[in-house]
Protein backbone atom coordinates (compact mmCIF):
# COMPACT_ATOMS: atom_id res chain seq x y z
CA MET A 1 85.34 118.49 106.73
CA ASN A 2 83.51 116.92 103.83
CA ILE A 3 83.68 113.28 102.75
CA ILE A 4 85.98 113.93 99.77
CA VAL A 5 88.64 115.58 101.94
CA LYS A 6 88.30 112.90 104.62
CA ARG A 7 88.71 110.15 102.04
CA ALA A 8 91.74 111.85 100.51
CA ILE A 9 93.40 112.41 103.87
CA ALA A 10 92.78 108.76 104.77
CA GLY A 11 94.49 107.69 101.54
CA GLY A 12 97.42 109.98 102.22
CA ALA A 13 97.69 108.73 105.79
CA VAL A 14 97.71 105.12 104.62
CA SER A 15 100.53 105.94 102.20
CA ALA A 16 102.53 107.66 104.93
CA ILE A 17 101.93 104.74 107.31
CA ILE A 18 103.19 102.28 104.69
CA MET A 19 106.39 104.33 104.44
CA GLY A 20 106.64 104.34 108.24
CA ILE A 21 106.23 100.57 108.36
CA GLY A 22 109.01 100.22 105.80
CA THR A 23 111.24 102.36 108.01
CA TYR A 24 110.33 100.28 111.06
CA ILE A 25 111.15 97.05 109.20
CA LEU A 26 114.64 98.39 108.45
CA GLY A 27 115.18 98.64 112.18
CA GLU A 28 117.00 101.16 114.30
CA VAL A 29 120.20 102.51 112.83
CA SER A 30 123.25 103.96 114.53
CA GLY A 31 125.00 107.21 113.65
CA TYR A 32 127.43 105.76 111.10
CA GLN A 33 124.77 103.53 109.50
CA ALA A 34 122.42 106.51 109.34
CA LYS A 35 125.13 108.56 107.62
CA GLU A 36 125.59 105.84 104.98
CA LEU A 37 121.84 105.32 104.51
CA LEU A 38 121.27 109.06 104.38
CA SER A 39 123.85 109.55 101.65
CA THR A 40 122.21 106.83 99.53
CA SER A 41 118.61 107.88 100.21
CA LEU A 42 119.07 111.61 99.65
CA SER A 43 118.97 111.29 95.86
CA GLY A 44 115.65 109.44 96.08
CA VAL A 45 114.14 111.97 98.48
CA ASN A 46 115.36 114.82 96.27
CA MET A 47 113.78 113.13 93.25
CA LEU A 48 110.53 112.77 95.22
CA CYS A 49 110.64 116.48 96.10
CA ASN A 50 111.19 117.42 92.47
CA THR A 51 108.38 115.14 91.32
CA VAL A 52 105.96 116.51 93.92
CA ILE A 53 106.88 120.11 93.03
CA LEU A 54 106.45 119.49 89.30
CA GLY A 55 103.24 117.47 89.67
CA SER A 56 101.69 119.86 92.18
CA SER A 57 102.57 122.91 90.08
CA THR A 58 100.98 121.26 87.06
CA ILE A 59 97.85 120.42 89.06
CA LEU A 60 97.63 124.00 90.31
CA ALA A 61 98.01 125.37 86.79
CA LEU A 62 95.35 123.02 85.42
CA MET A 63 92.87 124.12 88.08
CA LEU A 64 92.14 127.24 85.99
CA PRO A 65 90.71 125.29 83.03
CA LEU A 66 88.71 123.21 85.54
CA ILE A 67 87.16 126.38 86.93
CA SER A 68 86.51 127.64 83.40
CA LEU A 69 84.81 124.37 82.49
CA SER A 70 82.77 124.50 85.68
CA THR A 71 81.50 128.02 85.09
CA GLY A 72 80.89 127.44 81.38
CA SER A 73 78.70 124.39 81.86
CA ASN A 74 74.95 124.40 81.35
CA SER A 75 74.45 123.22 84.92
CA ARG A 76 74.88 125.69 87.73
CA LEU A 77 77.21 124.11 90.29
CA THR A 78 76.83 124.59 94.02
CA LYS A 79 79.32 126.36 96.23
CA VAL A 80 80.40 122.94 97.52
CA HIS A 81 82.10 122.23 94.17
CA TYR A 82 84.04 125.49 94.27
CA SER A 83 84.89 124.81 97.90
CA HIS A 84 86.42 121.46 96.82
CA VAL A 85 88.46 123.20 94.13
CA LEU A 86 89.65 125.79 96.65
CA THR A 87 90.58 123.03 99.12
CA ILE A 88 92.64 121.26 96.46
CA ALA A 89 94.39 124.52 95.59
CA LYS A 90 95.24 125.12 99.27
CA PHE A 91 96.56 121.58 99.76
CA VAL A 92 98.61 121.78 96.56
CA THR A 93 100.14 125.10 97.60
CA ILE A 94 101.07 123.76 101.04
CA LEU A 95 102.57 120.65 99.45
CA ILE A 96 104.67 122.71 97.02
CA ILE A 97 106.03 124.84 99.87
CA ALA A 98 106.79 121.77 102.02
CA SER A 99 108.54 120.10 99.07
CA VAL A 100 110.68 123.13 98.34
CA ILE A 101 111.69 123.49 102.00
CA THR A 102 112.48 119.76 102.24
CA PHE A 103 114.47 119.91 99.02
CA LEU A 104 116.49 122.90 100.25
CA MET A 105 117.14 121.40 103.67
CA LEU A 106 118.25 118.03 102.32
CA ASN A 107 120.58 119.59 99.75
CA LEU A 108 122.87 120.91 102.43
CA PRO A 109 126.10 118.86 102.27
CA ILE A 110 125.50 117.32 105.70
CA THR A 111 127.10 113.95 104.96
CA GLU A 112 130.30 115.64 103.79
CA SER A 113 130.74 117.71 106.94
CA GLU A 114 133.14 116.53 109.63
CA GLU A 115 131.71 119.01 112.17
CA VAL A 116 128.34 117.28 112.49
CA PRO A 117 128.28 114.73 115.35
CA SER A 118 127.49 111.19 114.17
CA SER A 119 124.51 110.99 116.54
CA TRP A 120 122.79 113.72 114.52
CA PHE A 121 122.77 111.59 111.39
CA THR A 122 120.24 109.24 112.95
CA ILE A 123 117.88 112.15 113.63
CA ILE A 124 118.44 113.64 110.18
CA TYR A 125 117.89 110.24 108.55
CA TYR A 126 114.56 109.70 110.29
CA ILE A 127 113.46 113.28 109.60
CA SER A 128 114.21 112.80 105.88
CA LEU A 129 112.19 109.57 105.84
CA ALA A 130 109.33 111.25 107.71
CA MET A 131 109.31 114.14 105.25
CA ALA A 132 109.33 111.72 102.33
CA ALA A 133 106.36 109.88 103.88
CA ILE A 134 104.48 113.15 104.45
CA LEU A 135 105.16 114.43 100.93
CA GLY A 136 104.19 111.11 99.35
CA GLY A 137 101.04 110.87 101.45
CA GLY A 138 100.15 114.48 100.70
CA PHE A 139 100.53 113.89 96.98
CA VAL A 140 98.29 110.81 97.18
CA ALA A 141 95.71 112.87 99.09
CA ILE A 142 95.75 115.62 96.46
CA VAL A 143 95.43 113.20 93.56
CA THR A 144 92.51 111.52 95.34
CA MET A 145 90.73 114.86 95.87
CA LEU A 146 91.39 115.82 92.27
CA TYR A 147 89.96 112.52 91.04
CA GLU A 148 86.77 113.06 93.05
CA THR A 149 86.34 116.59 91.71
CA ILE A 150 87.00 115.60 88.10
CA SER A 151 84.65 112.61 88.29
CA ASN A 152 81.91 114.95 89.58
CA ILE A 153 82.55 117.36 86.68
CA ILE A 154 82.40 114.49 84.18
CA LEU A 155 79.08 113.33 85.62
CA ILE A 156 77.58 116.83 85.60
CA VAL A 157 79.02 118.32 82.41
CA GLY A 158 79.81 115.24 80.35
CA PHE A 159 76.83 113.03 81.16
CA GLY A 160 74.43 115.84 82.04
CA VAL A 161 73.36 114.39 85.38
CA LYS A 162 70.84 116.91 86.73
CA ASP A 163 70.12 115.30 90.10
CA HIS A 164 73.75 115.37 91.24
CA PRO A 165 74.26 116.85 94.73
CA MET A 166 76.56 119.51 93.30
CA VAL A 167 74.00 120.88 90.82
CA GLU A 168 71.90 123.71 92.16
CA LYS A 169 68.23 122.89 92.38
CA ALA A 170 67.16 126.41 91.40
CA GLU A 171 68.16 125.59 87.82
CA GLU A 172 65.72 122.70 87.67
CA GLU A 173 62.95 124.86 89.10
CA ALA A 174 63.66 127.59 86.53
CA GLU A 175 63.51 125.05 83.68
CA GLU A 176 60.21 123.69 84.99
CA ALA A 177 58.82 127.23 85.20
CA LYS A 178 59.89 127.90 81.60
CA GLU A 179 58.20 124.70 80.43
CA GLU A 180 55.00 125.59 82.31
CA ALA A 181 55.04 129.09 80.84
CA LYS A 182 55.57 127.63 77.36
CA GLU A 183 52.64 125.22 77.87
CA ASN A 184 50.42 128.04 79.11
CA THR A 185 51.18 130.20 76.06
CA GLU A 186 50.52 127.25 73.72
CA GLU A 187 47.12 126.62 75.38
CA GLN A 188 46.04 130.24 74.88
């Protein structure tokens, strides 16, 4: 796993841990308390799911212009760059699927049902908080990976950095060979 992915996962894990600490600070809840907390927190978790789905779908759609910009640049980018873009696309797709599943599961009218034992509400409450932490952390990880990739593109394409690790060295060698050939023809 490369450094960009490791850094992004660390950022996502920190975000998820912060959510877990917040849950721990609230303390342990009983079945009835969990039912009340669940009914108030469901709208927030649903909004988080919708935000993650919308944001992730937008990121995935905007990956196409990023690839177009990458291939259209004067610098020839290494396979590592395209591997980063592919990794982001995979993570975004997984996050969209997890958000949709979470959204669907939490939209069941569980709190309205009289058939569900009150002890289950505690489990459902903690699962909803865990899913919110995972989705939030995943979104932070994706945004971090996207930032790294875009900053590399800006350095390479925008500022024309030729000695960047993601620029193929064969391009530099070809330019040097052209210059040498041009000098040789001028000398003759």
